[in-house]
Amino acid sequence: GIATLEQAIEMLTMFQCFASVTEYYGFLTEGYLAAGRVADARRAIDAGFATLARTGEVVWGPMLHLLRAEVTLAEDSRSRASARLDVEDAWRIASAHGARRAMSAAEMALARLS
C-alpha cells in the first residue's frame, strides 16, 4: 500500500535510483488519489516532477503529466483547462519519444476532458 511505496521511495532515493523514484512517485500519487488524500497526491506529484527536473529523465514524464492533470481535477473539478495543458504536454512528450502507449493514454484523457 501507500506505506510500502513511501518506504520504497526512501530506499530508492538512498541508493540514488532516481529513474525508479520518478515511477514510484507516480504510483504513490495514484494511491493517494484513490484514498482521497488529494493534498498528499499533490505533494507526491510535485516531488515526482522535482525528480524529473533533477535527473533529466523522460520515461515517466508523460505518466506524471497525466497524473498531475488528475490531481488538478481532484483539487478543483473546474480546472479542466489546466488539466488539459498537462494532458497535451503528456502527448507531446510521448510523441517526441515514440511512446505509443503513453500517446494513447493521453488521447483517451483528452477525450474525457472534451
Protein backbone atom coordinates (compact mmCIF):
# COMPACT_ATOMS: atom_id res chain seq x y z
CA GLY A 1 0.00 0.00 0.00
CA ILE A 2 0.88 3.61 0.48
CA ALA A 3 3.30 2.99 3.36
CA THR A 4 5.22 0.47 1.26
CA LEU A 5 5.52 2.96 -1.58
CA GLU A 6 6.73 5.65 0.79
CA GLN A 7 9.39 3.27 2.14
CA ALA A 8 10.40 2.24 -1.38
CA ILE A 9 10.90 5.88 -2.35
CA GLU A 10 13.10 6.41 0.71
CA MET A 11 15.25 3.40 -0.19
CA LEU A 12 15.46 4.21 -3.90
CA THR A 13 16.48 7.76 -3.04
CA MET A 14 19.09 6.49 -0.61
CA PHE A 15 20.56 4.30 -3.36
CA GLN A 16 20.18 7.14 -5.91
CA CYS A 17 17.91 5.13 -8.23
CA PHE A 18 16.19 8.31 -9.34
CA ALA A 19 14.55 6.99 -12.51
CA SER A 20 12.76 4.40 -10.40
CA VAL A 21 11.89 7.07 -7.82
CA THR A 22 10.03 9.00 -10.51
CA GLU A 23 7.92 5.95 -11.33
CA TYR A 24 7.20 5.29 -7.67
CA TYR A 25 6.09 8.88 -7.11
CA GLY A 26 3.54 8.22 -9.85
CA PHE A 27 2.31 5.09 -8.08
CA LEU A 28 2.20 6.97 -4.77
CA THR A 29 0.17 9.77 -6.39
CA GLU A 30 -2.34 7.19 -7.67
CA GLY A 31 -2.57 5.63 -4.21
CA TYR A 32 -3.18 8.94 -2.53
CA LEU A 33 -5.85 9.85 -5.08
CA ALA A 34 -7.59 6.50 -4.58
CA ALA A 35 -7.54 7.10 -0.81
CA GLY A 36 -8.98 10.61 -1.25
CA ARG A 37 -5.76 12.18 0.06
CA VAL A 38 -5.60 14.94 -2.55
CA ALA A 39 -3.12 17.20 -0.72
CA ASP A 40 -0.74 14.25 -0.33
CA ALA A 41 -1.23 13.43 -4.02
CA ARG A 42 -0.21 17.00 -4.88
CA ARG A 43 2.94 16.70 -2.76
CA ALA A 44 3.82 13.36 -4.35
CA ILE A 45 3.33 14.55 -7.93
CA ASP A 46 5.32 17.70 -7.23
CA ALA A 47 8.14 15.55 -5.82
CA GLY A 48 7.98 13.39 -8.95
CA PHE A 49 8.36 16.45 -11.16
CA ALA A 50 11.24 17.70 -8.99
CA THR A 51 12.97 14.36 -9.56
CA LEU A 52 12.36 14.64 -13.32
CA ALA A 53 13.88 18.11 -13.32
CA ARG A 54 16.88 16.98 -11.28
CA THR A 55 17.65 13.90 -13.40
CA GLY A 56 16.51 14.90 -16.89
CA GLU A 57 14.79 11.51 -17.12
CA VAL A 58 11.88 11.43 -19.59
CA VAL A 59 10.48 7.89 -19.48
CA TRP A 60 7.89 8.64 -16.80
CA GLY A 61 7.25 12.24 -17.86
CA PRO A 62 4.03 11.53 -19.77
CA MET A 63 2.62 9.48 -16.88
CA LEU A 64 3.40 12.24 -14.40
CA HIS A 65 1.72 14.84 -16.61
CA LEU A 66 -1.40 12.67 -16.84
CA LEU A 67 -1.40 12.18 -13.08
CA ARG A 68 -0.90 15.88 -12.42
CA ALA A 69 -4.00 16.50 -14.54
CA GLU A 70 -5.92 14.06 -12.32
CA VAL A 71 -4.65 15.76 -9.17
CA THR A 72 -5.61 19.17 -10.56
CA LEU A 73 -9.14 17.94 -11.26
CA ALA A 74 -9.37 16.31 -7.82
CA GLU A 75 -8.44 19.65 -6.26
CA ASP A 76 -10.96 21.58 -8.35
CA SER A 77 -13.16 19.92 -10.95
CA ARG A 78 -13.50 23.29 -12.72
CA SER A 79 -9.77 23.32 -13.56
CA ARG A 80 -10.27 21.46 -16.83
CA ALA A 81 -8.21 23.94 -18.87
CA SER A 82 -5.20 23.50 -16.60
CA ALA A 83 -5.62 19.72 -16.61
CA ARG A 84 -5.88 19.76 -20.40
CA LEU A 85 -2.50 21.53 -20.66
CA ASP A 86 -0.87 18.71 -18.70
CA VAL A 87 -2.52 16.09 -20.88
CA GLU A 88 -1.35 17.89 -24.01
CA ASP A 89 2.18 18.01 -22.57
CA ALA A 90 1.98 14.27 -21.89
CA TRP A 91 1.03 13.66 -25.51
CA ARG A 92 3.82 15.90 -26.85
CA ILE A 93 6.49 14.21 -24.74
CA ALA A 94 5.24 10.74 -25.62
CA SER A 95 5.06 11.64 -29.31
CA ALA A 96 8.60 13.03 -29.33
CA HIS A 97 9.88 9.72 -27.97
CA GLY A 98 7.65 7.40 -29.99
CA ALA A 99 5.90 6.16 -26.86
CA ARG A 100 2.67 4.99 -28.46
CA ARG A 101 1.08 3.60 -25.31
CA ALA A 102 1.57 6.91 -23.48
CA MET A 103 0.26 8.75 -26.54
CA SER A 104 -2.89 6.58 -26.46
CA ALA A 105 -3.36 7.23 -22.75
CA ALA A 106 -3.06 10.98 -23.38
CA GLU A 107 -5.53 10.79 -26.26
CA MET A 108 -8.05 8.99 -24.05
CA ALA A 109 -7.55 11.60 -21.32
CA LEU A 110 -8.09 14.40 -23.85
CA ALA A 111 -11.32 12.74 -25.00
CA ARG A 112 -12.55 12.58 -21.39
CA LEU A 113 -11.77 16.29 -20.94
CA SER A 114 -13.67 17.30 -24.09
